[in-house]
Amino acid sequence: MDREQVRAKIVRKASEEILVRGYTRVTMDDIASGLGMSKKTLYRVFPGKREMLMAVLTDVTGEIERGLLSLMERAEDDFTAKLRRVMEYVGIQYSRLGEGFLDDLRNAEPEILANLENFREDLVRKYFHTLVEEGIEKGAFRKDIDARVLSMVYLASIRYIVHPRTMLTLETTALRAYENVFRLLFEGMLTDESRSRYRLSMDRPVAA
């Protein structure tokens, strides 16, 4: 197994552990032990846990953006089906981050957390705004919607609601919180006809 294969194997394992248990709760020893790998080999690839965390987040954010781009570029006869696909995909990606993960980073690695939040804001600017404009153009969204204002409202809602402390107060999960934010904003934007189609689509699975 060459160095890149070993690196990929370490990143996969670190993702499974760190994103669920939290950054400070996982040690380099845990990762080495879980892989059946010597610490010497692990440290040869990653000099420290911070470098490993950055590799994990680079891998995760790259995967998220590729997946979202694929959904955005996919041709759909029914815009509401596309809207639902995007909603479900982003919700699942939010749920991958354990409820204590971001809070853990806030205390241990605020600079890395800031970079992660910047990534999320960039996604909103690049894709959310485009999705809204497409919905307006296709007649699925009301024409009086300002995509720029809505993007800011969406981002502010996500920042506050999809947050470990808020979810603890609401006794909910990241996925459920995100779904509620998304539905509240988007269902209010849909035209009456599109809203009916969207609600009907929620009662049946969307084909892959």
C-alpha atoms as a PDB file:
ATOM      1  CA  MET A   1       0.000   0.000   0.000  1.00  0.00           C
ATOM      2  CA  ASP A   2       1.560   3.316  -1.078  1.00  0.00           C
ATOM      3  CA  ARG A   3       1.597   6.539   0.943  1.00  0.00           C
ATOM      4  CA  GLU A   4      -1.533   8.004  -0.690  1.00  0.00           C
ATOM      5  CA  GLN A   5      -3.519   4.844   0.001  1.00  0.00           C
ATOM      6  CA  VAL A   6      -2.375   4.857   3.625  1.00  0.00           C
ATOM      7  CA  ARG A   7      -3.289   8.537   3.907  1.00  0.00           C
ATOM      8  CA  ALA A   8      -6.765   7.927   2.478  1.00  0.00           C
ATOM      9  CA  LYS A   9      -7.302   5.039   4.883  1.00  0.00           C
ATOM     10  CA  ILE A  10      -6.311   7.203   7.861  1.00  0.00           C
ATOM     11  CA  VAL A  11      -8.579  10.065   6.749  1.00  0.00           C
ATOM     12  CA  ARG A  12     -11.572   7.724   6.385  1.00  0.00           C
ATOM     13  CA  LYS A  13     -11.061   6.330   9.878  1.00  0.00           C
ATOM     14  CA  ALA A  14     -10.423   9.764  11.376  1.00  0.00           C
ATOM     15  CA  SER A  15     -13.625  11.051   9.743  1.00  0.00           C
ATOM     16  CA  GLU A  16     -15.657   8.242  11.305  1.00  0.00           C
ATOM     17  CA  GLU A  17     -14.258   9.000  14.744  1.00  0.00           C
ATOM     18  CA  ILE A  18     -13.785  12.765  14.860  1.00  0.00           C
ATOM     19  CA  LEU A  19     -17.028  13.863  13.189  1.00  0.00           C
ATOM     20  CA  VAL A  20     -19.104  11.719  15.544  1.00  0.00           C
ATOM     21  CA  ARG A  21     -17.228  11.740  18.846  1.00  0.00           C
ATOM     22  CA  GLY A  22     -15.665  15.184  18.586  1.00  0.00           C
ATOM     23  CA  TYR A  23     -12.148  16.398  17.900  1.00  0.00           C
ATOM     24  CA  THR A  24     -10.878  16.588  21.480  1.00  0.00           C
ATOM     25  CA  ARG A  25     -12.274  13.171  22.404  1.00  0.00           C
ATOM     26  CA  VAL A  26     -10.278  11.314  19.763  1.00  0.00           C
ATOM     27  CA  THR A  27      -6.548  10.729  20.120  1.00  0.00           C
ATOM     28  CA  MET A  28      -3.909   9.731  17.614  1.00  0.00           C
ATOM     29  CA  ASP A  29      -3.614   6.496  19.605  1.00  0.00           C
ATOM     30  CA  ASP A  30      -7.328   5.830  19.008  1.00  0.00           C
ATOM     31  CA  ILE A  31      -6.892   6.211  15.251  1.00  0.00           C
ATOM     32  CA  ALA A  32      -3.762   4.041  15.112  1.00  0.00           C
ATOM     33  CA  SER A  33      -5.381   1.371  17.258  1.00  0.00           C
ATOM     34  CA  GLY A  34      -8.598   1.396  15.224  1.00  0.00           C
ATOM     35  CA  LEU A  35      -6.620   0.871  12.039  1.00  0.00           C
ATOM     36  CA  GLY A  36      -4.300  -1.739  13.491  1.00  0.00           C
ATOM     37  CA  MET A  37      -1.477   0.606  12.536  1.00  0.00           C
ATOM     38  CA  SER A  38       1.642   1.619  14.399  1.00  0.00           C
ATOM     39  CA  LYS A  39       1.802   5.169  15.743  1.00  0.00           C
ATOM     40  CA  LYS A  40       5.080   5.550  13.885  1.00  0.00           C
ATOM     41  CA  THR A  41       3.300   4.995  10.565  1.00  0.00           C
ATOM     42  CA  LEU A  42       0.488   7.352  11.531  1.00  0.00           C
ATOM     43  CA  TYR A  43       2.874  10.151  12.532  1.00  0.00           C
ATOM     44  CA  ARG A  44       4.860   9.646   9.349  1.00  0.00           C
ATOM     45  CA  VAL A  45       1.749  10.654   7.383  1.00  0.00           C
ATOM     46  CA  PHE A  46       0.326  13.235   9.802  1.00  0.00           C
ATOM     47  CA  PRO A  47       2.756  15.024  12.168  1.00  0.00           C
ATOM     48  CA  GLY A  48      -0.112  15.845  14.548  1.00  0.00           C
ATOM     49  CA  LYS A  49      -3.832  15.650  15.158  1.00  0.00           C
ATOM     50  CA  ARG A  50      -4.463  19.158  13.836  1.00  0.00           C
ATOM     51  CA  GLU A  51      -3.032  18.226  10.447  1.00  0.00           C
ATOM     52  CA  MET A  52      -5.198  15.117  10.425  1.00  0.00           C
ATOM     53  CA  LEU A  53      -8.297  17.193  11.256  1.00  0.00           C
ATOM     54  CA  MET A  54      -7.567  19.569   8.392  1.00  0.00           C
ATOM     55  CA  ALA A  55      -7.236  16.604   6.007  1.00  0.00           C
ATOM     56  CA  VAL A  56     -10.574  15.235   7.241  1.00  0.00           C
ATOM     57  CA  LEU A  57     -12.341  18.554   6.677  1.00  0.00           C
ATOM     58  CA  THR A  58     -10.746  19.025   3.249  1.00  0.00           C
ATOM     59  CA  ASP A  59     -12.052  15.580   2.294  1.00  0.00           C
ATOM     60  CA  VAL A  60     -15.536  16.200   3.710  1.00  0.00           C
ATOM     61  CA  THR A  61     -16.002  19.689   2.241  1.00  0.00           C
ATOM     62  CA  GLY A  62     -14.758  18.527  -1.147  1.00  0.00           C
ATOM     63  CA  GLU A  63     -17.242  15.660  -1.133  1.00  0.00           C
ATOM     64  CA  ILE A  64     -20.092  17.965  -0.104  1.00  0.00           C
ATOM     65  CA  GLU A  65     -19.378  20.488  -2.841  1.00  0.00           C
ATOM     66  CA  ARG A  66     -19.002  17.844  -5.548  1.00  0.00           C
ATOM     67  CA  GLY A  67     -22.286  16.252  -4.529  1.00  0.00           C
ATOM     68  CA  LEU A  68     -24.122  19.571  -4.405  1.00  0.00           C
ATOM     69  CA  LEU A  69     -22.715  20.659  -7.760  1.00  0.00           C
ATOM     70  CA  SER A  70     -23.878  17.386  -9.304  1.00  0.00           C
ATOM     71  CA  LEU A  71     -27.419  17.952  -8.001  1.00  0.00           C
ATOM     72  CA  MET A  72     -27.488  21.560  -9.146  1.00  0.00           C
ATOM     73  CA  GLU A  73     -26.392  20.657 -12.671  1.00  0.00           C
ATOM     74  CA  ARG A  74     -28.838  17.781 -12.968  1.00  0.00           C
ATOM     75  CA  ALA A  75     -31.693  18.459 -15.378  1.00  0.00           C
ATOM     76  CA  GLU A  76     -35.131  18.053 -13.781  1.00  0.00           C
ATOM     77  CA  ASP A  77     -38.530  18.293 -15.461  1.00  0.00           C
ATOM     78  CA  ASP A  78     -40.066  19.169 -12.094  1.00  0.00           C
ATOM     79  CA  PHE A  79     -38.175  21.841 -10.153  1.00  0.00           C
ATOM     80  CA  THR A  80     -39.828  20.767  -6.883  1.00  0.00           C
ATOM     81  CA  ALA A  81     -38.173  17.339  -7.233  1.00  0.00           C
ATOM     82  CA  LYS A  82     -34.800  19.048  -7.618  1.00  0.00           C
ATOM     83  CA  LEU A  83     -35.554  21.226  -4.609  1.00  0.00           C
ATOM     84  CA  ARG A  84     -36.301  18.161  -2.524  1.00  0.00           C
ATOM     85  CA  ARG A  85     -33.107  16.409  -3.652  1.00  0.00           C
ATOM     86  CA  VAL A  86     -31.019  19.403  -2.634  1.00  0.00           C
ATOM     87  CA  MET A  87     -32.832  19.684   0.704  1.00  0.00           C
ATOM     88  CA  GLU A  88     -32.293  16.035   1.546  1.00  0.00           C
ATOM     89  CA  TYR A  89     -28.644  16.053   0.457  1.00  0.00           C
ATOM     90  CA  VAL A  90     -27.671  19.125   2.453  1.00  0.00           C
ATOM     91  CA  GLY A  91     -29.634  17.907   5.467  1.00  0.00           C
ATOM     92  CA  ILE A  92     -27.793  14.593   5.422  1.00  0.00           C
ATOM     93  CA  GLN A  93     -24.439  16.379   5.168  1.00  0.00           C
ATOM     94  CA  TYR A  94     -25.304  18.514   8.195  1.00  0.00           C
ATOM     95  CA  SER A  95     -26.255  15.402  10.124  1.00  0.00           C
ATOM     96  CA  ARG A  96     -22.836  13.868   9.450  1.00  0.00           C
ATOM     97  CA  LEU A  97     -21.337  16.374  11.851  1.00  0.00           C
ATOM     98  CA  GLY A  98     -21.967  15.035  15.318  1.00  0.00           C
ATOM     99  CA  GLU A  99     -23.911  17.441  17.542  1.00  0.00           C
ATOM    100  CA  GLY A 100     -20.851  18.134  19.681  1.00  0.00           C
ATOM    101  CA  PHE A 101     -18.388  18.428  16.821  1.00  0.00           C
ATOM    102  CA  LEU A 102     -18.754  22.124  15.964  1.00  0.00           C
ATOM    103  CA  ASP A 103     -18.986  23.103  19.619  1.00  0.00           C
ATOM    104  CA  ASP A 104     -15.820  21.112  20.242  1.00  0.00           C
ATOM    105  CA  LEU A 105     -14.015  22.985  17.462  1.00  0.00           C
ATOM    106  CA  ARG A 106     -15.297  26.297  18.795  1.00  0.00           C
ATOM    107  CA  ASN A 107     -13.230  25.739  21.935  1.00  0.00           C
ATOM    108  CA  ALA A 108     -10.282  23.746  20.600  1.00  0.00           C
ATOM    109  CA  GLU A 109      -9.696  25.061  17.060  1.00  0.00           C
ATOM    110  CA  PRO A 110     -11.595  28.333  16.490  1.00  0.00           C
ATOM    111  CA  GLU A 111      -9.536  29.173  13.399  1.00  0.00           C
ATOM    112  CA  ILE A 112     -10.430  25.875  11.717  1.00  0.00           C
ATOM    113  CA  LEU A 113     -14.078  26.334  12.718  1.00  0.00           C
ATOM    114  CA  ALA A 114     -14.039  29.796  11.136  1.00  0.00           C
ATOM    115  CA  ASN A 115     -12.728  28.270   7.892  1.00  0.00           C
ATOM    116  CA  LEU A 116     -15.490  25.660   7.993  1.00  0.00           C
ATOM    117  CA  GLU A 117     -18.144  28.321   8.514  1.00  0.00           C
ATOM    118  CA  ASN A 118     -16.663  30.349   5.645  1.00  0.00           C
ATOM    119  CA  PHE A 119     -16.989  27.273   3.447  1.00  0.00           C
ATOM    120  CA  ARG A 120     -20.652  26.980   4.395  1.00  0.00           C
ATOM    121  CA  GLU A 121     -21.258  30.647   3.613  1.00  0.00           C
ATOM    122  CA  ASP A 122     -19.524  30.273   0.248  1.00  0.00           C
ATOM    123  CA  LEU A 123     -21.839  27.370  -0.604  1.00  0.00           C
ATOM    124  CA  VAL A 124     -24.855  29.556   0.158  1.00  0.00           C
ATOM    125  CA  ARG A 125     -23.527  32.329  -2.076  1.00  0.00           C
ATOM    126  CA  LYS A 126     -22.673  29.969  -4.922  1.00  0.00           C
ATOM    127  CA  TYR A 127     -25.585  27.527  -4.881  1.00  0.00           C
ATOM    128  CA  PHE A 128     -28.490  28.722  -2.749  1.00  0.00           C
ATOM    129  CA  HIS A 129     -28.763  31.990  -4.640  1.00  0.00           C
ATOM    130  CA  THR A 130     -28.629  30.092  -7.958  1.00  0.00           C
ATOM    131  CA  LEU A 131     -31.315  27.658  -6.802  1.00  0.00           C
ATOM    132  CA  VAL A 132     -33.648  30.512  -5.852  1.00  0.00           C
ATOM    133  CA  GLU A 133     -33.123  32.268  -9.183  1.00  0.00           C
ATOM    134  CA  GLU A 134     -33.793  29.030 -11.069  1.00  0.00           C
ATOM    135  CA  GLY A 135     -36.988  28.515  -9.097  1.00  0.00           C
ATOM    136  CA  ILE A 136     -38.181  32.033  -9.933  1.00  0.00           C
ATOM    137  CA  GLU A 137     -37.297  31.606 -13.616  1.00  0.00           C
ATOM    138  CA  LYS A 138     -39.204  28.306 -13.833  1.00  0.00           C
ATOM    139  CA  GLY A 139     -42.252  29.767 -12.124  1.00  0.00           C
ATOM    140  CA  ALA A 140     -41.917  27.549  -9.038  1.00  0.00           C
ATOM    141  CA  PHE A 141     -41.090  30.456  -6.710  1.00  0.00           C
ATOM    142  CA  ARG A 142     -42.957  33.720  -6.303  1.00  0.00           C
ATOM    143  CA  LYS A 143     -41.524  36.476  -8.480  1.00  0.00           C
ATOM    144  CA  ASP A 144     -41.453  39.028  -5.645  1.00  0.00           C
ATOM    145  CA  ILE A 145     -38.678  37.069  -3.874  1.00  0.00           C
ATOM    146  CA  ASP A 146     -35.271  38.763  -3.590  1.00  0.00           C
ATOM    147  CA  ALA A 147     -32.703  35.955  -3.818  1.00  0.00           C
ATOM    148  CA  ARG A 148     -30.011  38.015  -2.089  1.00  0.00           C
ATOM    149  CA  VAL A 149     -32.153  38.811   0.951  1.00  0.00           C
ATOM    150  CA  LEU A 150     -33.384  35.239   1.210  1.00  0.00           C
ATOM    151  CA  SER A 151     -29.809  33.915   1.092  1.00  0.00           C
ATOM    152  CA  MET A 152     -28.924  36.088   4.081  1.00  0.00           C
ATOM    153  CA  VAL A 153     -32.035  34.964   6.000  1.00  0.00           C
ATOM    154  CA  TYR A 154     -31.243  31.319   5.222  1.00  0.00           C
ATOM    155  CA  LEU A 155     -27.637  31.639   6.369  1.00  0.00           C
ATOM    156  CA  ALA A 156     -28.593  33.442   9.596  1.00  0.00           C
ATOM    157  CA  SER A 157     -31.195  30.751  10.355  1.00  0.00           C
ATOM    158  CA  ILE A 158     -28.710  27.938   9.812  1.00  0.00           C
ATOM    159  CA  ARG A 159     -26.083  29.643  11.977  1.00  0.00           C
ATOM    160  CA  TYR A 160     -28.456  29.961  14.904  1.00  0.00           C
ATOM    161  CA  ILE A 161     -30.695  26.918  14.668  1.00  0.00           C
ATOM    162  CA  VAL A 162     -28.308  24.228  13.400  1.00  0.00           C
ATOM    163  CA  HIS A 163     -26.114  24.767  16.440  1.00  0.00           C
ATOM    164  CA  PRO A 164     -25.387  22.250  19.207  1.00  0.00           C
ATOM    165  CA  ARG A 165     -26.751  24.436  22.018  1.00  0.00           C
ATOM    166  CA  THR A 166     -29.923  25.327  20.136  1.00  0.00           C
ATOM    167  CA  MET A 167     -30.550  21.702  19.149  1.00  0.00           C
ATOM    168  CA  LEU A 168     -30.084  20.662  22.764  1.00  0.00           C
ATOM    169  CA  THR A 169     -32.719  23.206  23.824  1.00  0.00           C
ATOM    170  CA  LEU A 170     -35.086  22.083  21.067  1.00  0.00           C
ATOM    171  CA  GLU A 171     -34.308  18.404  21.723  1.00  0.00           C
ATOM    172  CA  THR A 172     -33.784  17.748  18.026  1.00  0.00           C
ATOM    173  CA  THR A 173     -31.059  16.641  15.606  1.00  0.00           C
ATOM    174  CA  ALA A 174     -29.066  18.566  13.009  1.00  0.00           C
ATOM    175  CA  LEU A 175     -30.967  16.853  10.197  1.00  0.00           C
ATOM    176  CA  ARG A 176     -34.408  17.595  11.663  1.00  0.00           C
ATOM    177  CA  ALA A 177     -33.469  21.203  12.479  1.00  0.00           C
ATOM    178  CA  TYR A 178     -32.148  21.783   8.979  1.00  0.00           C
ATOM    179  CA  GLU A 179     -35.255  20.261   7.374  1.00  0.00           C
ATOM    180  CA  ASN A 180     -37.484  22.597   9.367  1.00  0.00           C
ATOM    181  CA  VAL A 181     -35.475  25.681   8.358  1.00  0.00           C
ATOM    182  CA  PHE A 182     -35.493  24.610   4.720  1.00  0.00           C
ATOM    183  CA  ARG A 183     -39.218  23.888   4.592  1.00  0.00           C
ATOM    184  CA  LEU A 184     -40.148  27.068   6.425  1.00  0.00           C
ATOM    185  CA  LEU A 185     -38.237  29.205   3.953  1.00  0.00           C
ATOM    186  CA  PHE A 186     -38.870  27.357   0.722  1.00  0.00           C
ATOM    187  CA  GLU A 187     -42.510  26.383   1.141  1.00  0.00           C
ATOM    188  CA  GLY A 188     -43.306  30.037   1.771  1.00  0.00           C
ATOM    189  CA  MET A 189     -41.600  30.948  -1.516  1.00  0.00           C
ATOM    190  CA  LEU A 190     -43.374  28.378  -3.676  1.00  0.00           C
ATOM    191  CA  THR A 191     -46.324  29.339  -5.842  1.00  0.00           C
ATOM    192  CA  ASP A 192     -49.600  27.644  -4.873  1.00  0.00           C
ATOM    193  CA  GLU A 193     -49.298  25.105  -7.700  1.00  0.00           C
ATOM    194  CA  SER A 194     -45.659  24.271  -6.913  1.00  0.00           C
ATOM    195  CA  ARG A 195     -46.394  24.006  -3.205  1.00  0.00           C
ATOM    196  CA  SER A 196     -49.018  21.349  -3.895  1.00  0.00           C
ATOM    197  CA  ARG A 197     -46.565  19.347  -6.044  1.00  0.00           C
ATOM    198  CA  TYR A 198     -43.833  19.721  -3.454  1.00  0.00           C
ATOM    199  CA  ARG A 199     -46.035  18.449  -0.624  1.00  0.00           C
ATOM    200  CA  LEU A 200     -47.162  15.502  -2.733  1.00  0.00           C
ATOM    201  CA  SER A 201     -43.524  14.655  -3.493  1.00  0.00           C
ATOM    202  CA  MET A 202     -42.799  14.451   0.246  1.00  0.00           C
ATOM    203  CA  ASP A 203     -45.161  11.468   0.433  1.00  0.00           C
ATOM    204  CA  ARG A 204     -43.172   9.395  -2.033  1.00  0.00           C
ATOM    205  CA  PRO A 205     -39.451   8.604  -2.427  1.00  0.00           C
ATOM    206  CA  VAL A 206     -37.466  10.489  -5.033  1.00  0.00           C
ATOM    207  CA  ALA A 207     -35.738   8.180  -7.516  1.00  0.00           C
ATOM    208  CA  ALA A 208     -31.931   8.248  -7.345  1.00  0.00           C
END
